[in-house]
Amino acid sequence: MGEIGITIGYLLFFAVLMYLMIFLPQKRREKKMKQMLDSMQVGNKVVTIGGITGKVINIKDDEVTIETSVEKTKMNLKKWAIKEVEKPIEA
């Protein structure tokens, strides 16, 4: 009975350790990303996961329209494709 208890104790310890080191930080990152995407507004500069930068000109449900480059090319993207949102500095 003693060896089984120790083995179960080790398994529980490693399960808790794995949760604290892997799953908890992942949840925090997902929550932070969702909060960033929800606070995105028209006029913010964004960077996509593909490295494309542009200015947000329209937000509709889960789609975002950005304007890139000097030629003012417009692109429709899904919100999940946005990696960073750079908010303008308020004076």
N, C-alpha and C. Protein backbone atom coordinates (compact mmCIF):
# COMPACT_ATOMS: atom_id res chain seq x y z
N MET A 1 0.82 -1.21 0.00
CA MET A 1 0.00 0.00 0.00
C MET A 1 0.86 1.26 0.00
N GLY A 2 1.99 1.23 0.68
CA GLY A 2 2.87 2.39 0.78
C GLY A 2 3.47 2.80 -0.55
N GLU A 3 3.93 1.81 -1.34
CA GLU A 3 4.54 2.12 -2.63
C GLU A 3 3.52 2.69 -3.61
N ILE A 4 2.31 2.19 -3.58
CA ILE A 4 1.25 2.68 -4.47
C ILE A 4 0.91 4.13 -4.12
N GLY A 5 0.86 4.43 -2.84
CA GLY A 5 0.58 5.80 -2.40
C GLY A 5 1.65 6.78 -2.85
N ILE A 6 2.92 6.36 -2.75
CA ILE A 6 4.03 7.21 -3.19
C ILE A 6 3.97 7.43 -4.69
N THR A 7 3.69 6.36 -5.43
CA THR A 7 3.59 6.46 -6.89
C THR A 7 2.46 7.41 -7.30
N ILE A 8 1.31 7.27 -6.66
CA ILE A 8 0.18 8.15 -6.96
C ILE A 8 0.53 9.59 -6.58
N GLY A 9 1.24 9.77 -5.48
CA GLY A 9 1.68 11.11 -5.06
C GLY A 9 2.58 11.75 -6.10
N TYR A 10 3.54 10.98 -6.63
CA TYR A 10 4.42 11.51 -7.68
C TYR A 10 3.63 11.88 -8.93
N LEU A 11 2.70 11.01 -9.32
CA LEU A 11 1.89 11.30 -10.51
C LEU A 11 1.07 12.58 -10.33
N LEU A 12 0.47 12.74 -9.16
CA LEU A 12 -0.30 13.96 -8.88
C LEU A 12 0.60 15.19 -8.88
N PHE A 13 1.78 15.06 -8.29
CA PHE A 13 2.73 16.17 -8.26
C PHE A 13 3.10 16.61 -9.67
N PHE A 14 3.44 15.65 -10.54
CA PHE A 14 3.82 15.99 -11.90
C PHE A 14 2.65 16.52 -12.72
N ALA A 15 1.44 16.03 -12.44
CA ALA A 15 0.26 16.56 -13.14
C ALA A 15 0.02 18.02 -12.77
N VAL A 16 0.13 18.33 -11.50
CA VAL A 16 -0.04 19.72 -11.04
C VAL A 16 1.08 20.59 -11.60
N LEU A 17 2.30 20.10 -11.58
CA LEU A 17 3.43 20.85 -12.11
C LEU A 17 3.25 21.13 -13.60
N MET A 18 2.80 20.13 -14.36
CA MET A 18 2.57 20.32 -15.79
C MET A 18 1.47 21.37 -16.03
N TYR A 19 0.41 21.31 -15.22
CA TYR A 19 -0.66 22.29 -15.36
C TYR A 19 -0.13 23.71 -15.12
N LEU A 20 0.66 23.87 -14.07
CA LEU A 20 1.17 25.20 -13.72
C LEU A 20 2.18 25.73 -14.74
N MET A 21 2.94 24.84 -15.36
CA MET A 21 3.99 25.28 -16.27
C MET A 21 3.54 25.38 -17.72
N ILE A 22 2.52 24.64 -18.12
CA ILE A 22 2.12 24.61 -19.52
C ILE A 22 0.74 25.22 -19.74
N PHE A 23 -0.26 24.70 -19.08
CA PHE A 23 -1.63 25.09 -19.39
C PHE A 23 -2.00 26.47 -18.85
N LEU A 24 -1.57 26.82 -17.68
CA LEU A 24 -1.91 28.11 -17.10
C LEU A 24 -1.33 29.28 -17.90
N PRO A 25 -0.04 29.26 -18.28
CA PRO A 25 0.49 30.35 -19.10
C PRO A 25 -0.20 30.44 -20.47
N GLN A 26 -0.57 29.30 -21.05
CA GLN A 26 -1.26 29.31 -22.34
C GLN A 26 -2.62 29.99 -22.22
N LYS A 27 -3.33 29.71 -21.14
CA LYS A 27 -4.62 30.36 -20.91
C LYS A 27 -4.45 31.86 -20.76
N ARG A 28 -3.41 32.28 -20.06
CA ARG A 28 -3.15 33.71 -19.88
C ARG A 28 -2.87 34.39 -21.21
N ARG A 29 -2.06 33.74 -22.07
CA ARG A 29 -1.75 34.31 -23.39
C ARG A 29 -3.01 34.43 -24.23
N GLU A 30 -3.86 33.40 -24.21
CA GLU A 30 -5.10 33.44 -24.99
C GLU A 30 -6.03 34.54 -24.49
N LYS A 31 -6.11 34.71 -23.18
CA LYS A 31 -6.96 35.76 -22.62
C LYS A 31 -6.45 37.14 -23.01
N LYS A 32 -5.12 37.33 -22.95
CA LYS A 32 -4.51 38.61 -23.32
C LYS A 32 -4.74 38.90 -24.81
N MET A 33 -4.61 37.88 -25.66
CA MET A 33 -4.81 38.05 -27.10
C MET A 33 -6.26 38.42 -27.40
N LYS A 34 -7.20 37.74 -26.76
CA LYS A 34 -8.61 38.04 -26.97
C LYS A 34 -8.93 39.45 -26.53
N GLN A 35 -8.38 39.87 -25.40
CA GLN A 35 -8.60 41.22 -24.90
C GLN A 35 -8.03 42.25 -25.88
N MET A 36 -6.85 41.97 -26.45
CA MET A 36 -6.24 42.88 -27.41
C MET A 36 -7.10 43.01 -28.66
N LEU A 37 -7.60 41.88 -29.18
CA LEU A 37 -8.41 41.91 -30.39
C LEU A 37 -9.76 42.58 -30.14
N ASP A 38 -10.33 42.37 -28.97
CA ASP A 38 -11.62 43.00 -28.65
C ASP A 38 -11.49 44.51 -28.48
N SER A 39 -10.33 45.00 -28.06
CA SER A 39 -10.14 46.43 -27.86
C SER A 39 -9.65 47.14 -29.12
N MET A 40 -9.45 46.41 -30.21
CA MET A 40 -8.98 47.00 -31.46
C MET A 40 -10.03 47.95 -32.02
N GLN A 41 -9.57 49.10 -32.52
CA GLN A 41 -10.47 50.11 -33.06
C GLN A 41 -9.99 50.55 -34.44
N VAL A 42 -10.91 51.20 -35.17
CA VAL A 42 -10.55 51.76 -36.47
C VAL A 42 -9.47 52.82 -36.23
N GLY A 43 -8.43 52.79 -37.05
CA GLY A 43 -7.32 53.73 -36.92
C GLY A 43 -6.09 53.11 -36.29
N ASN A 44 -6.23 51.96 -35.60
CA ASN A 44 -5.08 51.28 -35.01
C ASN A 44 -4.22 50.67 -36.11
N LYS A 45 -2.92 50.63 -35.85
CA LYS A 45 -2.01 49.93 -36.76
C LYS A 45 -1.91 48.50 -36.27
N VAL A 46 -1.88 47.55 -37.21
CA VAL A 46 -1.82 46.14 -36.86
C VAL A 46 -0.71 45.45 -37.65
N VAL A 47 -0.27 44.33 -37.09
CA VAL A 47 0.68 43.45 -37.76
C VAL A 47 0.04 42.07 -37.79
N THR A 48 0.00 41.45 -38.97
CA THR A 48 -0.61 40.13 -39.11
C THR A 48 0.42 39.04 -38.79
N ILE A 49 -0.06 37.81 -38.69
CA ILE A 49 0.86 36.71 -38.42
C ILE A 49 1.79 36.46 -39.61
N GLY A 50 1.42 37.00 -40.77
CA GLY A 50 2.27 36.88 -41.95
C GLY A 50 3.25 38.02 -42.10
N GLY A 51 3.20 39.00 -41.17
CA GLY A 51 4.13 40.12 -41.22
C GLY A 51 3.63 41.33 -41.98
N ILE A 52 2.39 41.32 -42.43
CA ILE A 52 1.83 42.46 -43.15
C ILE A 52 1.39 43.51 -42.15
N THR A 53 1.75 44.76 -42.40
CA THR A 53 1.35 45.84 -41.51
C THR A 53 0.35 46.73 -42.23
N GLY A 54 -0.53 47.34 -41.47
CA GLY A 54 -1.51 48.23 -42.06
C GLY A 54 -2.34 48.92 -41.00
N LYS A 55 -3.23 49.78 -41.46
CA LYS A 55 -4.10 50.54 -40.58
C LYS A 55 -5.52 49.99 -40.70
N VAL A 56 -6.18 49.78 -39.57
CA VAL A 56 -7.54 49.25 -39.56
C VAL A 56 -8.49 50.32 -40.09
N ILE A 57 -9.29 49.96 -41.11
CA ILE A 57 -10.26 50.91 -41.64
C ILE A 57 -11.70 50.44 -41.43
N ASN A 58 -11.88 49.15 -41.09
CA ASN A 58 -13.23 48.65 -40.84
C ASN A 58 -13.14 47.37 -40.00
N ILE A 59 -14.07 47.24 -39.05
CA ILE A 59 -14.17 46.02 -38.24
C ILE A 59 -15.61 45.56 -38.31
N LYS A 60 -15.81 44.31 -38.72
CA LYS A 60 -17.15 43.75 -38.81
C LYS A 60 -17.10 42.30 -38.31
N ASP A 61 -17.79 42.04 -37.20
CA ASP A 61 -17.83 40.72 -36.59
C ASP A 61 -16.43 40.16 -36.39
N ASP A 62 -16.07 39.10 -37.12
CA ASP A 62 -14.74 38.50 -36.97
C ASP A 62 -13.82 38.84 -38.14
N GLU A 63 -14.18 39.84 -38.94
CA GLU A 63 -13.35 40.28 -40.06
C GLU A 63 -12.88 41.71 -39.86
N VAL A 64 -11.65 41.96 -40.31
CA VAL A 64 -11.05 43.28 -40.20
C VAL A 64 -10.54 43.66 -41.58
N THR A 65 -10.79 44.91 -41.98
CA THR A 65 -10.26 45.42 -43.24
C THR A 65 -9.12 46.36 -42.89
N ILE A 66 -7.95 46.10 -43.49
CA ILE A 66 -6.80 46.98 -43.26
C ILE A 66 -6.38 47.61 -44.57
N GLU A 67 -5.71 48.74 -44.43
CA GLU A 67 -5.18 49.47 -45.59
C GLU A 67 -3.67 49.45 -45.46
N THR A 68 -2.99 49.01 -46.52
CA THR A 68 -1.54 48.89 -46.47
C THR A 68 -0.89 49.75 -47.54
N SER A 69 0.33 50.06 -47.35
CA SER A 69 1.23 50.72 -48.29
C SER A 69 0.74 52.07 -48.79
N VAL A 70 1.54 52.66 -49.66
CA VAL A 70 1.25 53.97 -50.22
C VAL A 70 0.09 53.88 -51.21
N GLU A 71 -0.06 52.75 -51.89
CA GLU A 71 -1.14 52.58 -52.87
C GLU A 71 -2.50 52.36 -52.21
N LYS A 72 -2.52 52.32 -50.88
CA LYS A 72 -3.74 52.14 -50.10
C LYS A 72 -4.47 50.85 -50.50
N THR A 73 -3.73 49.77 -50.57
CA THR A 73 -4.30 48.46 -50.85
C THR A 73 -5.14 48.03 -49.66
N LYS A 74 -6.34 47.57 -49.93
CA LYS A 74 -7.23 47.12 -48.86
C LYS A 74 -7.23 45.59 -48.82
N MET A 75 -7.17 45.06 -47.59
CA MET A 75 -7.17 43.61 -47.40
C MET A 75 -8.18 43.26 -46.31
N ASN A 76 -8.96 42.21 -46.55
CA ASN A 76 -9.87 41.68 -45.54
C ASN A 76 -9.18 40.51 -44.85
N LEU A 77 -9.19 40.54 -43.52
CA LEU A 77 -8.55 39.50 -42.74
C LEU A 77 -9.49 39.02 -41.65
N LYS A 78 -9.28 37.82 -41.18
CA LYS A 78 -9.97 37.32 -40.00
C LYS A 78 -9.23 37.87 -38.77
N LYS A 79 -9.97 38.07 -37.69
CA LYS A 79 -9.34 38.62 -36.49
C LYS A 79 -8.22 37.73 -35.97
N TRP A 80 -8.36 36.41 -36.10
CA TRP A 80 -7.33 35.51 -35.57
C TRP A 80 -6.00 35.66 -36.31
N ALA A 81 -6.01 36.32 -37.49
CA ALA A 81 -4.78 36.49 -38.26
C ALA A 81 -3.97 37.69 -37.80
N ILE A 82 -4.46 38.43 -36.82
CA ILE A 82 -3.75 39.61 -36.33
C ILE A 82 -2.90 39.22 -35.13
N LYS A 83 -1.63 39.60 -35.21
CA LYS A 83 -0.67 39.24 -34.17
C LYS A 83 -0.50 40.36 -33.15
N GLU A 84 -0.45 41.61 -33.62
CA GLU A 84 -0.21 42.76 -32.74
C GLU A 84 -1.13 43.90 -33.11
N VAL A 85 -1.50 44.68 -32.13
CA VAL A 85 -2.26 45.91 -32.35
C VAL A 85 -1.46 47.04 -31.71
N GLU A 86 -1.09 48.03 -32.52
CA GLU A 86 -0.36 49.19 -32.02
C GLU A 86 -1.33 50.35 -31.93
N LYS A 87 -1.65 50.73 -30.72
CA LYS A 87 -2.60 51.82 -30.52
C LYS A 87 -1.88 53.16 -30.69
N PRO A 88 -2.58 54.15 -31.28
CA PRO A 88 -1.94 55.46 -31.43
C PRO A 88 -1.73 56.11 -30.06
N ILE A 89 -0.69 56.91 -29.96
CA ILE A 89 -0.39 57.60 -28.70
C ILE A 89 -1.35 58.78 -28.57
N GLU A 90 -2.06 58.81 -27.45
CA GLU A 90 -3.03 59.88 -27.23
C GLU A 90 -2.32 61.07 -26.60
N ALA A 91 -2.58 62.25 -27.15
CA ALA A 91 -1.94 63.47 -26.65
C ALA A 91 -2.74 64.12 -25.57
